[in-house]
Amino acid sequence: MFPRLTPITKNIIILNVIFYLASNFIMFPKLYEMFSVYYIASPNFKVWQIITHMFMHAPLGQGIGLTHILFNMLTLMSFGPVLEQVVGDRKYIILYFASGIGAYFLNCGWNYVEILQGANVMQIYSTPMLGASGAIFGVVAAFSTMFPDSKLYFMFIPFGIKAKYLLPAIIVISLYLGFSGSMGDIAHFAHIGGALVGYLLARKWKNDQYRIN
């Protein structure tokens, strides 16, 4: 069962659905090109893409398609509402967008390393990054940090897993997939970037709760 949707989480989901419908069914010209984000040195890069890419998801019928937005929104529905109520509206908004921005810049850092290693520069320049995954990994990491002993239940696993084990699992799996090149169309280092920002913010806020004046 999902927790009751809170206002900001609900509005983020609504915006993602609107963007998805507009880009796949209303067919605004070049919406994916305009709002997905490109490597910062690419001629296709526009500054607004750092934000708008978080509302774009894989086109219907291409790659992972519809499952991209479905998985992201279901994950946000699972972790977002509780976190939103605990940290408050302002911090939750900061967490979400800072995680998405951190995801982008860490992915750019990895792209730069690839270029130094002789990767195809034009391919990197022309390949966009899109999706809310970086922001949502930040939310999941923050939840795991704020509520480390909460038990999480996943499909096909018959027992609960403590949230504090989720963050290291995310980092290790994403590092392995990123360095190995498995599932190459997924920005694994963006996931790590989002998770690290979420962890750092949540740790700071959690420590502030126990600070003595």
N, C-alpha and C. Protein backbone atom coordinates (compact mmCIF):
# COMPACT_ATOMS: atom_id res chain seq x y z
N MET A 1 0.84 -1.20 0.00
CA MET A 1 0.00 0.00 0.00
C MET A 1 0.88 1.25 0.00
N PHE A 2 0.42 2.28 -0.75
CA PHE A 2 1.15 3.54 -0.80
C PHE A 2 0.59 4.49 0.25
N PRO A 3 1.48 5.33 0.85
CA PRO A 3 0.98 6.33 1.79
C PRO A 3 0.13 7.37 1.06
N ARG A 4 -0.69 8.07 1.82
CA ARG A 4 -1.54 9.10 1.23
C ARG A 4 -0.69 10.20 0.61
N LEU A 5 -1.01 10.58 -0.63
CA LEU A 5 -0.21 11.56 -1.35
C LEU A 5 -0.26 12.92 -0.66
N THR A 6 0.89 13.52 -0.52
CA THR A 6 1.00 14.87 0.03
C THR A 6 1.08 15.86 -1.14
N PRO A 7 0.82 17.16 -0.88
CA PRO A 7 0.65 18.12 -1.99
C PRO A 7 1.82 18.22 -2.96
N ILE A 8 3.04 18.36 -2.45
CA ILE A 8 4.17 18.55 -3.36
C ILE A 8 4.45 17.29 -4.16
N THR A 9 4.44 16.15 -3.50
CA THR A 9 4.64 14.88 -4.22
C THR A 9 3.57 14.71 -5.29
N LYS A 10 2.32 15.01 -4.95
CA LYS A 10 1.23 14.88 -5.91
C LYS A 10 1.45 15.81 -7.10
N ASN A 11 1.86 17.05 -6.85
CA ASN A 11 2.06 18.00 -7.95
C ASN A 11 3.24 17.62 -8.83
N ILE A 12 4.30 17.06 -8.22
CA ILE A 12 5.43 16.59 -9.02
C ILE A 12 4.99 15.46 -9.95
N ILE A 13 4.19 14.55 -9.44
CA ILE A 13 3.69 13.44 -10.26
C ILE A 13 2.80 13.97 -11.38
N ILE A 14 1.93 14.91 -11.07
CA ILE A 14 1.04 15.50 -12.08
C ILE A 14 1.87 16.16 -13.19
N LEU A 15 2.90 16.92 -12.81
CA LEU A 15 3.74 17.58 -13.81
C LEU A 15 4.44 16.55 -14.69
N ASN A 16 4.94 15.47 -14.09
CA ASN A 16 5.59 14.44 -14.89
C ASN A 16 4.63 13.81 -15.89
N VAL A 17 3.40 13.56 -15.46
CA VAL A 17 2.40 12.97 -16.36
C VAL A 17 2.05 13.94 -17.48
N ILE A 18 1.89 15.22 -17.14
CA ILE A 18 1.58 16.23 -18.17
C ILE A 18 2.69 16.30 -19.21
N PHE A 19 3.94 16.35 -18.74
CA PHE A 19 5.07 16.39 -19.67
C PHE A 19 5.09 15.14 -20.55
N TYR A 20 4.79 13.99 -19.95
CA TYR A 20 4.85 12.74 -20.71
C TYR A 20 3.76 12.70 -21.78
N LEU A 21 2.56 13.10 -21.40
CA LEU A 21 1.45 13.13 -22.37
C LEU A 21 1.74 14.12 -23.48
N ALA A 22 2.25 15.30 -23.11
CA ALA A 22 2.53 16.33 -24.11
C ALA A 22 3.61 15.88 -25.09
N SER A 23 4.65 15.23 -24.57
CA SER A 23 5.77 14.86 -25.43
C SER A 23 5.49 13.61 -26.27
N ASN A 24 4.52 12.79 -25.86
CA ASN A 24 4.25 11.55 -26.59
C ASN A 24 2.95 11.55 -27.39
N PHE A 25 1.98 12.36 -26.98
CA PHE A 25 0.68 12.30 -27.65
C PHE A 25 0.28 13.62 -28.31
N ILE A 26 0.59 14.75 -27.67
CA ILE A 26 0.27 16.04 -28.29
C ILE A 26 1.32 16.39 -29.33
N MET A 27 2.50 15.82 -29.14
CA MET A 27 3.57 15.91 -30.13
C MET A 27 4.03 17.35 -30.39
N PHE A 28 4.34 18.09 -29.32
CA PHE A 28 4.95 19.39 -29.51
C PHE A 28 6.28 19.20 -30.23
N PRO A 29 6.60 20.07 -31.17
CA PRO A 29 7.84 19.90 -31.95
C PRO A 29 9.09 19.93 -31.07
N LYS A 30 9.88 18.93 -31.22
CA LYS A 30 11.20 18.87 -30.59
C LYS A 30 11.16 19.02 -29.06
N LEU A 31 10.11 18.54 -28.43
CA LEU A 31 9.99 18.68 -26.98
C LEU A 31 11.10 17.91 -26.26
N TYR A 32 11.39 16.70 -26.74
CA TYR A 32 12.46 15.91 -26.12
C TYR A 32 13.81 16.60 -26.28
N GLU A 33 14.04 17.17 -27.44
CA GLU A 33 15.31 17.86 -27.68
C GLU A 33 15.43 19.12 -26.83
N MET A 34 14.33 19.81 -26.62
CA MET A 34 14.33 21.07 -25.86
C MET A 34 14.48 20.85 -24.36
N PHE A 35 13.84 19.80 -23.82
CA PHE A 35 13.73 19.66 -22.38
C PHE A 35 14.58 18.56 -21.76
N SER A 36 15.08 17.61 -22.56
CA SER A 36 16.09 16.68 -22.04
C SER A 36 17.38 17.46 -21.88
N VAL A 37 18.32 16.94 -21.07
CA VAL A 37 19.54 17.70 -20.81
C VAL A 37 20.74 17.05 -21.50
N TYR A 38 21.59 17.89 -22.07
CA TYR A 38 22.77 17.42 -22.77
C TYR A 38 24.03 17.73 -21.96
N TYR A 39 25.10 17.07 -22.31
CA TYR A 39 26.40 17.34 -21.70
C TYR A 39 26.67 18.84 -21.75
N ILE A 40 27.25 19.38 -20.70
CA ILE A 40 27.33 20.83 -20.53
C ILE A 40 28.12 21.52 -21.64
N ALA A 41 29.04 20.82 -22.30
CA ALA A 41 29.82 21.41 -23.39
C ALA A 41 29.17 21.21 -24.75
N SER A 42 28.03 20.51 -24.79
CA SER A 42 27.36 20.23 -26.06
C SER A 42 26.68 21.48 -26.59
N PRO A 43 26.68 21.69 -27.90
CA PRO A 43 25.94 22.83 -28.47
C PRO A 43 24.43 22.70 -28.26
N ASN A 44 23.96 21.51 -27.94
CA ASN A 44 22.53 21.31 -27.69
C ASN A 44 22.12 21.68 -26.25
N PHE A 45 23.12 21.95 -25.39
CA PHE A 45 22.81 22.23 -23.99
C PHE A 45 22.18 23.59 -23.81
N LYS A 46 21.10 23.65 -23.03
CA LYS A 46 20.45 24.90 -22.62
C LYS A 46 20.31 24.86 -21.11
N VAL A 47 20.47 26.00 -20.47
CA VAL A 47 20.53 26.02 -19.01
C VAL A 47 19.25 25.51 -18.37
N TRP A 48 18.09 25.75 -18.98
CA TRP A 48 16.84 25.30 -18.37
C TRP A 48 16.72 23.78 -18.34
N GLN A 49 17.49 23.10 -19.19
CA GLN A 49 17.41 21.64 -19.25
C GLN A 49 17.86 20.99 -17.94
N ILE A 50 18.67 21.71 -17.14
CA ILE A 50 19.11 21.17 -15.85
C ILE A 50 17.92 20.86 -14.96
N ILE A 51 16.84 21.63 -15.13
CA ILE A 51 15.60 21.40 -14.37
C ILE A 51 14.60 20.56 -15.16
N THR A 52 14.39 20.91 -16.43
CA THR A 52 13.30 20.27 -17.19
C THR A 52 13.54 18.80 -17.47
N HIS A 53 14.81 18.36 -17.47
CA HIS A 53 15.06 16.95 -17.77
C HIS A 53 14.43 16.03 -16.73
N MET A 54 14.18 16.57 -15.52
CA MET A 54 13.59 15.76 -14.45
C MET A 54 12.13 15.43 -14.71
N PHE A 55 11.52 16.09 -15.70
CA PHE A 55 10.12 15.85 -16.02
C PHE A 55 9.95 15.11 -17.35
N MET A 56 11.05 14.70 -17.95
CA MET A 56 11.00 13.96 -19.21
C MET A 56 11.33 12.49 -18.95
N HIS A 57 10.66 11.60 -19.69
CA HIS A 57 10.92 10.16 -19.54
C HIS A 57 10.97 9.49 -20.90
N ALA A 58 11.48 8.27 -20.92
CA ALA A 58 11.71 7.55 -22.17
C ALA A 58 10.45 7.55 -23.05
N PRO A 59 10.61 7.82 -24.33
CA PRO A 59 9.44 7.85 -25.23
C PRO A 59 8.70 6.52 -25.24
N LEU A 60 7.41 6.62 -25.40
CA LEU A 60 6.55 5.44 -25.47
C LEU A 60 6.99 4.54 -26.61
N GLY A 61 7.23 3.27 -26.33
CA GLY A 61 7.61 2.32 -27.36
C GLY A 61 9.08 2.30 -27.71
N GLN A 62 9.88 3.11 -27.01
CA GLN A 62 11.32 3.13 -27.27
C GLN A 62 12.08 2.80 -25.98
N GLY A 63 13.09 1.95 -26.07
CA GLY A 63 13.87 1.58 -24.90
C GLY A 63 12.99 0.99 -23.82
N ILE A 64 13.11 1.52 -22.59
CA ILE A 64 12.29 1.01 -21.50
C ILE A 64 10.89 1.62 -21.52
N GLY A 65 10.70 2.62 -22.37
CA GLY A 65 9.36 3.15 -22.63
C GLY A 65 8.57 3.55 -21.41
N LEU A 66 7.32 3.11 -21.37
CA LEU A 66 6.38 3.51 -20.33
C LEU A 66 6.84 3.10 -18.94
N THR A 67 7.60 2.00 -18.84
CA THR A 67 8.04 1.54 -17.51
C THR A 67 8.95 2.56 -16.83
N HIS A 68 9.60 3.43 -17.60
CA HIS A 68 10.49 4.44 -17.03
C HIS A 68 9.71 5.37 -16.10
N ILE A 69 8.67 5.98 -16.63
CA ILE A 69 7.89 6.91 -15.81
C ILE A 69 7.08 6.18 -14.75
N LEU A 70 6.57 4.99 -15.06
CA LEU A 70 5.78 4.25 -14.08
C LEU A 70 6.62 3.88 -12.86
N PHE A 71 7.80 3.36 -13.08
CA PHE A 71 8.67 2.95 -11.97
C PHE A 71 9.07 4.17 -11.13
N ASN A 72 9.44 5.26 -11.82
CA ASN A 72 9.84 6.45 -11.08
C ASN A 72 8.71 7.02 -10.23
N MET A 73 7.52 7.10 -10.79
CA MET A 73 6.41 7.69 -10.06
C MET A 73 5.95 6.78 -8.91
N LEU A 74 5.98 5.49 -9.12
CA LEU A 74 5.61 4.56 -8.03
C LEU A 74 6.62 4.64 -6.89
N THR A 75 7.89 4.78 -7.23
CA THR A 75 8.91 4.92 -6.20
C THR A 75 8.72 6.23 -5.42
N LEU A 76 8.44 7.31 -6.15
CA LEU A 76 8.20 8.59 -5.49
C LEU A 76 6.98 8.52 -4.59
N MET A 77 5.92 7.84 -5.04
CA MET A 77 4.73 7.67 -4.22
C MET A 77 5.01 6.89 -2.94
N SER A 78 5.98 5.99 -2.99
CA SER A 78 6.30 5.14 -1.85
C SER A 78 7.09 5.89 -0.78
N PHE A 79 8.05 6.72 -1.21
CA PHE A 79 8.97 7.34 -0.26
C PHE A 79 8.71 8.83 -0.03
N GLY A 80 8.17 9.51 -1.03
CA GLY A 80 8.04 10.95 -0.97
C GLY A 80 7.13 11.50 0.12
N PRO A 81 5.88 11.00 0.25
CA PRO A 81 4.94 11.61 1.20
C PRO A 81 5.43 11.64 2.64
N VAL A 82 6.02 10.56 3.12
CA VAL A 82 6.50 10.53 4.51
C VAL A 82 7.61 11.56 4.69
N LEU A 83 8.54 11.60 3.75
CA LEU A 83 9.66 12.53 3.84
C LEU A 83 9.17 13.97 3.76
N GLU A 84 8.22 14.23 2.89
CA GLU A 84 7.67 15.58 2.75
C GLU A 84 7.07 16.07 4.06
N GLN A 85 6.35 15.20 4.76
CA GLN A 85 5.73 15.60 6.02
C GLN A 85 6.76 15.81 7.12
N VAL A 86 7.85 15.07 7.10
CA VAL A 86 8.85 15.15 8.16
C VAL A 86 9.75 16.38 7.99
N VAL A 87 10.26 16.61 6.78
CA VAL A 87 11.23 17.71 6.59
C VAL A 87 10.54 19.03 6.25
N GLY A 88 9.28 18.99 5.82
CA GLY A 88 8.57 20.21 5.46
C GLY A 88 8.67 20.52 3.98
N ASP A 89 7.77 21.39 3.52
CA ASP A 89 7.66 21.69 2.09
C ASP A 89 8.96 22.23 1.50
N ARG A 90 9.52 23.25 2.15
CA ARG A 90 10.69 23.93 1.59
C ARG A 90 11.87 22.98 1.44
N LYS A 91 12.18 22.24 2.49
CA LYS A 91 13.33 21.34 2.43
C LYS A 91 13.08 20.20 1.45
N TYR A 92 11.85 19.76 1.35
CA TYR A 92 11.53 18.68 0.43
C TYR A 92 11.75 19.11 -1.02
N ILE A 93 11.34 20.33 -1.33
CA ILE A 93 11.55 20.87 -2.68
C ILE A 93 13.05 21.00 -2.96
N ILE A 94 13.79 21.54 -1.98
CA ILE A 94 15.25 21.66 -2.13
C ILE A 94 15.87 20.28 -2.36
N LEU A 95 15.47 19.31 -1.55
CA LEU A 95 15.99 17.94 -1.68
C LEU A 95 15.75 17.39 -3.08
N TYR A 96 14.54 17.51 -3.55
CA TYR A 96 14.18 16.91 -4.84
C TYR A 96 15.00 17.51 -5.98
N PHE A 97 15.00 18.84 -6.06
CA PHE A 97 15.66 19.47 -7.21
C PHE A 97 17.18 19.48 -7.06
N ALA A 98 17.68 19.61 -5.84
CA ALA A 98 19.13 19.54 -5.65
C ALA A 98 19.66 18.16 -6.02
N SER A 99 18.90 17.11 -5.70
CA SER A 99 19.31 15.75 -6.05
C SER A 99 19.33 15.58 -7.57
N GLY A 100 18.31 16.10 -8.25
CA GLY A 100 18.27 16.01 -9.71
C GLY A 100 19.41 16.77 -10.36
N ILE A 101 19.75 17.94 -9.80
CA ILE A 101 20.86 18.73 -10.34
C ILE A 101 22.19 18.03 -10.05
N GLY A 102 22.34 17.50 -8.84
CA GLY A 102 23.55 16.75 -8.51
C GLY A 102 23.74 15.55 -9.41
N ALA A 103 22.63 14.89 -9.75
CA ALA A 103 22.67 13.75 -10.66
C ALA A 103 23.23 14.16 -12.01
N TYR A 104 22.76 15.29 -12.51
CA TYR A 104 23.23 15.77 -13.82
C TYR A 104 24.73 16.05 -13.80
N PHE A 105 25.20 16.77 -12.77
CA PHE A 105 26.61 17.17 -12.78
C PHE A 105 27.56 16.00 -12.55
N LEU A 106 27.16 15.02 -11.75
CA LEU A 106 28.02 13.84 -11.61
C LEU A 106 28.06 13.06 -12.92
N ASN A 107 26.94 13.01 -13.62
CA ASN A 107 26.93 12.34 -14.92
C ASN A 107 27.82 13.08 -15.92
N CYS A 108 27.81 14.42 -15.85
CA CYS A 108 28.72 15.20 -16.70
C CYS A 108 30.17 14.88 -16.37
N GLY A 109 30.45 14.74 -15.06
CA GLY A 109 31.81 14.38 -14.66
C GLY A 109 32.25 13.05 -15.24
N TRP A 110 31.33 12.09 -15.23
CA TRP A 110 31.65 10.78 -15.81
C TRP A 110 31.83 10.89 -17.32
N ASN A 111 31.00 11.69 -17.98
CA ASN A 111 31.15 11.91 -19.42
C ASN A 111 32.53 12.51 -19.73
N TYR A 112 32.98 13.43 -18.89
CA TYR A 112 34.29 14.05 -19.08
C TYR A 112 35.40 13.01 -18.98
N VAL A 113 35.28 12.12 -18.00
CA VAL A 113 36.26 11.04 -17.85
C VAL A 113 36.26 10.16 -19.11
N GLU A 114 35.06 9.86 -19.62
CA GLU A 114 34.96 9.04 -20.84
C GLU A 114 35.64 9.73 -22.01
N ILE A 115 35.47 11.04 -22.12
CA ILE A 115 36.11 11.79 -23.21
C ILE A 115 37.63 11.72 -23.08
N LEU A 116 38.14 11.87 -21.87
CA LEU A 116 39.60 11.76 -21.65
C LEU A 116 40.12 10.39 -22.02
N GLN A 117 39.26 9.38 -21.87
CA GLN A 117 39.65 8.00 -22.18
C GLN A 117 39.46 7.66 -23.65
N GLY A 118 39.04 8.65 -24.45
CA GLY A 118 38.94 8.44 -25.88
C GLY A 118 37.57 8.09 -26.39
N ALA A 119 36.52 8.33 -25.61
CA ALA A 119 35.16 8.04 -26.06
C ALA A 119 34.78 8.97 -27.20
N ASN A 120 33.76 8.58 -27.94
CA ASN A 120 33.27 9.37 -29.06
C ASN A 120 32.63 10.66 -28.56
N VAL A 121 33.31 11.77 -28.78
CA VAL A 121 32.84 13.06 -28.25
C VAL A 121 31.49 13.44 -28.85
N MET A 122 31.32 13.23 -30.14
CA MET A 122 30.08 13.63 -30.79
C MET A 122 28.89 12.83 -30.27
N GLN A 123 29.14 11.57 -29.94
CA GLN A 123 28.07 10.75 -29.38
C GLN A 123 27.66 11.26 -28.00
N ILE A 124 28.66 11.62 -27.18
CA ILE A 124 28.35 12.17 -25.86
C ILE A 124 27.62 13.50 -25.99
N TYR A 125 28.05 14.34 -26.93
CA TYR A 125 27.40 15.63 -27.13
C TYR A 125 25.95 15.50 -27.60
N SER A 126 25.66 14.44 -28.34
CA SER A 126 24.34 14.31 -28.95
C SER A 126 23.39 13.39 -28.18
N THR A 127 23.88 12.79 -27.08
CA THR A 127 23.04 11.87 -26.31
C THR A 127 22.46 12.60 -25.10
N PRO A 128 21.14 12.77 -25.03
CA PRO A 128 20.55 13.49 -23.90
C PRO A 128 20.35 12.59 -22.68
N MET A 129 20.24 13.22 -21.52
CA MET A 129 19.86 12.53 -20.29
C MET A 129 18.47 13.01 -19.90
N LEU A 130 17.63 12.10 -19.49
CA LEU A 130 16.27 12.50 -19.12
C LEU A 130 15.74 11.57 -18.04
N GLY A 131 14.80 12.10 -17.26
CA GLY A 131 14.16 11.28 -16.25
C GLY A 131 14.29 11.86 -14.85
N ALA A 132 13.37 11.46 -13.99
CA ALA A 132 13.35 11.92 -12.60
C ALA A 132 14.17 11.01 -11.69
N SER A 133 14.86 10.03 -12.25
CA SER A 133 15.53 9.03 -11.41
C SER A 133 16.54 9.64 -10.45
N GLY A 134 17.34 10.61 -10.90
CA GLY A 134 18.33 11.22 -10.03
C GLY A 134 17.68 11.88 -8.82
N ALA A 135 16.62 12.65 -9.08
CA ALA A 135 15.89 13.31 -7.99
C ALA A 135 15.27 12.28 -7.05
N ILE A 136 14.72 11.22 -7.61
CA ILE A 136 14.04 10.20 -6.81
C ILE A 136 15.04 9.36 -6.02
N PHE A 137 16.21 9.09 -6.59
CA PHE A 137 17.25 8.41 -5.83
C PHE A 137 17.65 9.26 -4.63
N GLY A 138 17.63 10.59 -4.79
CA GLY A 138 17.90 11.47 -3.67
C GLY A 138 16.85 11.34 -2.58
N VAL A 139 15.59 11.24 -2.98
CA VAL A 139 14.50 11.05 -2.03
C VAL A 139 14.65 9.73 -1.29
N VAL A 140 14.95 8.67 -2.03
CA VAL A 140 15.12 7.34 -1.41
C VAL A 140 16.30 7.35 -0.44
N ALA A 141 17.41 7.97 -0.86
CA ALA A 141 18.59 8.04 0.01
C ALA A 141 18.29 8.85 1.27
N ALA A 142 17.55 9.94 1.13
CA ALA A 142 17.20 10.76 2.28
C ALA A 142 16.29 9.99 3.24
N PHE A 143 15.35 9.25 2.68
CA PHE A 143 14.47 8.43 3.52
C PHE A 143 15.29 7.41 4.31
N SER A 144 16.22 6.75 3.63
CA SER A 144 17.05 5.74 4.28
C SER A 144 17.90 6.34 5.39
N THR A 145 18.31 7.60 5.20
CA THR A 145 19.13 8.28 6.19
C THR A 145 18.31 8.75 7.39
N MET A 146 17.11 9.25 7.11
CA MET A 146 16.25 9.76 8.18
C MET A 146 15.60 8.64 8.98
N PHE A 147 15.30 7.52 8.31
CA PHE A 147 14.61 6.41 8.97
C PHE A 147 15.36 5.10 8.73
N PRO A 148 16.57 4.99 9.25
CA PRO A 148 17.43 3.84 8.91
C PRO A 148 16.88 2.48 9.34
N ASP A 149 16.08 2.46 10.38
CA ASP A 149 15.59 1.17 10.89
C ASP A 149 14.19 0.81 10.39
N SER A 150 13.63 1.65 9.52
CA SER A 150 12.33 1.32 8.93
C SER A 150 12.47 0.09 8.05
N LYS A 151 11.50 -0.79 8.12
CA LYS A 151 11.54 -1.99 7.29
C LYS A 151 10.81 -1.77 5.98
N LEU A 152 11.46 -2.11 4.90
CA LEU A 152 10.91 -1.96 3.56
C LEU A 152 10.60 -3.33 3.00
N TYR A 153 9.50 -3.39 2.29
CA TYR A 153 9.08 -4.67 1.70
C TYR A 153 9.02 -4.53 0.19
N PHE A 154 9.66 -5.47 -0.49
CA PHE A 154 9.74 -5.44 -1.94
C PHE A 154 9.09 -6.69 -2.52
N MET A 155 8.62 -6.53 -3.75
CA MET A 155 7.99 -7.66 -4.44
C MET A 155 8.97 -8.82 -4.57
N PHE A 156 8.47 -10.04 -4.31
CA PHE A 156 9.23 -11.28 -4.43
C PHE A 156 10.22 -11.50 -3.28
N ILE A 157 10.29 -10.55 -2.31
CA ILE A 157 11.14 -10.76 -1.13
C ILE A 157 10.21 -10.93 0.06
N PRO A 158 10.21 -12.10 0.70
CA PRO A 158 9.20 -12.40 1.71
C PRO A 158 9.45 -11.80 3.09
N PHE A 159 10.48 -10.96 3.23
CA PHE A 159 10.79 -10.38 4.53
C PHE A 159 11.19 -8.91 4.35
N GLY A 160 11.07 -8.15 5.44
CA GLY A 160 11.41 -6.74 5.40
C GLY A 160 12.92 -6.51 5.44
N ILE A 161 13.36 -5.45 4.77
CA ILE A 161 14.78 -5.07 4.75
C ILE A 161 14.89 -3.67 5.34
N LYS A 162 15.80 -3.49 6.29
CA LYS A 162 15.96 -2.18 6.91
C LYS A 162 16.44 -1.15 5.90
N ALA A 163 15.89 0.05 6.01
CA ALA A 163 16.18 1.11 5.04
C ALA A 163 17.66 1.46 5.00
N LYS A 164 18.37 1.31 6.11
CA LYS A 164 19.78 1.71 6.15
C LYS A 164 20.65 0.86 5.23
N TYR A 165 20.15 -0.29 4.79
CA TYR A 165 20.91 -1.11 3.85
C TYR A 165 20.63 -0.75 2.39
N LEU A 166 19.61 0.10 2.19
CA LEU A 166 19.21 0.42 0.83
C LEU A 166 20.21 1.35 0.14
N LEU A 167 20.69 2.39 0.86
CA LEU A 167 21.62 3.35 0.26
C LEU A 167 22.92 2.70 -0.20
N PRO A 168 23.62 1.94 0.66
CA PRO A 168 24.85 1.30 0.16
C PRO A 168 24.59 0.34 -1.00
N ALA A 169 23.42 -0.30 -0.99
CA ALA A 169 23.09 -1.21 -2.10
C ALA A 169 22.94 -0.42 -3.40
N ILE A 170 22.28 0.74 -3.31
CA ILE A 170 22.12 1.60 -4.49
C ILE A 170 23.48 2.01 -5.05
N ILE A 171 24.38 2.45 -4.16
CA ILE A 171 25.69 2.93 -4.60
C ILE A 171 26.51 1.81 -5.23
N VAL A 172 26.56 0.66 -4.57
CA VAL A 172 27.37 -0.46 -5.06
C VAL A 172 26.85 -0.96 -6.41
N ILE A 173 25.55 -1.15 -6.52
CA ILE A 173 24.97 -1.65 -7.78
C ILE A 173 25.18 -0.65 -8.90
N SER A 174 24.94 0.64 -8.62
CA SER A 174 25.10 1.66 -9.66
C SER A 174 26.56 1.79 -10.09
N LEU A 175 27.50 1.70 -9.13
CA LEU A 175 28.91 1.74 -9.49
C LEU A 175 29.28 0.56 -10.39
N TYR A 176 28.82 -0.62 -10.03
CA TYR A 176 29.13 -1.80 -10.83
C TYR A 176 28.58 -1.66 -12.25
N LEU A 177 27.29 -1.26 -12.35
CA LEU A 177 26.67 -1.12 -13.66
C LEU A 177 27.32 0.00 -14.46
N GLY A 178 27.69 1.08 -13.78
CA GLY A 178 28.31 2.20 -14.47
C GLY A 178 29.68 1.86 -15.03
N PHE A 179 30.54 1.25 -14.21
CA PHE A 179 31.89 0.91 -14.66
C PHE A 179 31.89 -0.25 -15.66
N SER A 180 30.95 -1.17 -15.50
CA SER A 180 30.92 -2.33 -16.40
C SER A 180 30.27 -2.01 -17.74
N GLY A 181 29.52 -0.92 -17.78
CA GLY A 181 28.83 -0.56 -19.01
C GLY A 181 27.56 -1.34 -19.24
N SER A 182 27.11 -2.10 -18.23
CA SER A 182 25.87 -2.84 -18.37
C SER A 182 24.69 -1.88 -18.47
N MET A 183 23.71 -2.25 -19.27
CA MET A 183 22.53 -1.41 -19.47
C MET A 183 22.99 0.01 -19.83
N GLY A 184 23.76 0.10 -20.91
CA GLY A 184 24.46 1.32 -21.27
C GLY A 184 23.59 2.53 -21.53
N ASP A 185 22.29 2.34 -21.75
CA ASP A 185 21.43 3.50 -22.01
C ASP A 185 20.93 4.14 -20.73
N ILE A 186 21.36 3.65 -19.58
CA ILE A 186 20.94 4.19 -18.28
C ILE A 186 22.12 4.93 -17.65
N ALA A 187 21.84 6.16 -17.15
CA ALA A 187 22.89 7.00 -16.56
C ALA A 187 23.10 6.59 -15.10
N HIS A 188 23.88 5.55 -14.87
CA HIS A 188 24.05 5.02 -13.51
C HIS A 188 24.74 6.02 -12.58
N PHE A 189 25.66 6.82 -13.14
CA PHE A 189 26.35 7.79 -12.28
C PHE A 189 25.43 8.94 -11.90
N ALA A 190 24.41 9.19 -12.68
CA ALA A 190 23.39 10.17 -12.29
C ALA A 190 22.64 9.68 -11.06
N HIS A 191 22.35 8.39 -11.01
CA HIS A 191 21.69 7.81 -9.85
C HIS A 191 22.55 8.00 -8.60
N ILE A 192 23.85 7.77 -8.74
CA ILE A 192 24.77 7.94 -7.61
C ILE A 192 24.80 9.39 -7.17
N GLY A 193 24.86 10.31 -8.14
CA GLY A 193 24.88 11.73 -7.81
C GLY A 193 23.65 12.16 -7.04
N GLY A 194 22.48 11.72 -7.49
CA GLY A 194 21.25 12.05 -6.79
C GLY A 194 21.22 11.48 -5.39
N ALA A 195 21.64 10.22 -5.25
CA ALA A 195 21.64 9.56 -3.95
C ALA A 195 22.59 10.25 -2.98
N LEU A 196 23.76 10.66 -3.44
CA LEU A 196 24.73 11.32 -2.57
C LEU A 196 24.21 12.66 -2.07
N VAL A 197 23.59 13.43 -2.95
CA VAL A 197 23.02 14.72 -2.53
C VAL A 197 21.92 14.49 -1.50
N GLY A 198 21.04 13.53 -1.77
CA GLY A 198 19.97 13.22 -0.83
C GLY A 198 20.50 12.80 0.53
N TYR A 199 21.53 11.98 0.52
CA TYR A 199 22.14 11.52 1.76
C TYR A 199 22.74 12.69 2.55
N LEU A 200 23.50 13.55 1.87
CA LEU A 200 24.17 14.66 2.55
C LEU A 200 23.18 15.65 3.14
N LEU A 201 22.13 15.97 2.40
CA LEU A 201 21.13 16.90 2.91
C LEU A 201 20.39 16.30 4.11
N ALA A 202 19.98 15.04 3.98
CA ALA A 202 19.24 14.40 5.06
C ALA A 202 20.10 14.26 6.31
N ARG A 203 21.36 13.97 6.13
CA ARG A 203 22.26 13.84 7.28
C ARG A 203 22.40 15.18 8.00
N LYS A 204 22.52 16.25 7.22
CA LYS A 204 22.63 17.58 7.83
C LYS A 204 21.36 17.92 8.61
N TRP A 205 20.21 17.71 7.98
CA TRP A 205 18.95 18.05 8.64
C TRP A 205 18.73 17.18 9.88
N LYS A 206 19.11 15.94 9.78
CA LYS A 206 18.94 15.05 10.93
C LYS A 206 19.84 15.48 12.09
N ASN A 207 21.07 15.85 11.78
CA ASN A 207 21.99 16.30 12.82
C ASN A 207 21.51 17.61 13.46
N ASP A 208 20.92 18.48 12.64
CA ASP A 208 20.42 19.76 13.14
C ASP A 208 19.30 19.57 14.17
N GLN A 209 18.56 18.46 14.06
CA GLN A 209 17.48 18.20 15.00
C GLN A 209 18.00 18.01 16.42
N TYR A 210 19.23 17.55 16.53
CA TYR A 210 19.79 17.22 17.86
C TYR A 210 20.84 18.24 18.31
N ARG A 211 20.94 19.36 17.59
CA ARG A 211 21.91 20.38 17.95
C ARG A 211 21.41 21.15 19.18
N ILE A 212 22.27 21.35 20.13
CA ILE A 212 21.90 22.06 21.36
C ILE A 212 22.35 23.52 21.25
N ASN A 213 21.43 24.44 21.47
CA ASN A 213 21.76 25.87 21.40
C ASN A 213 22.20 26.37 22.79
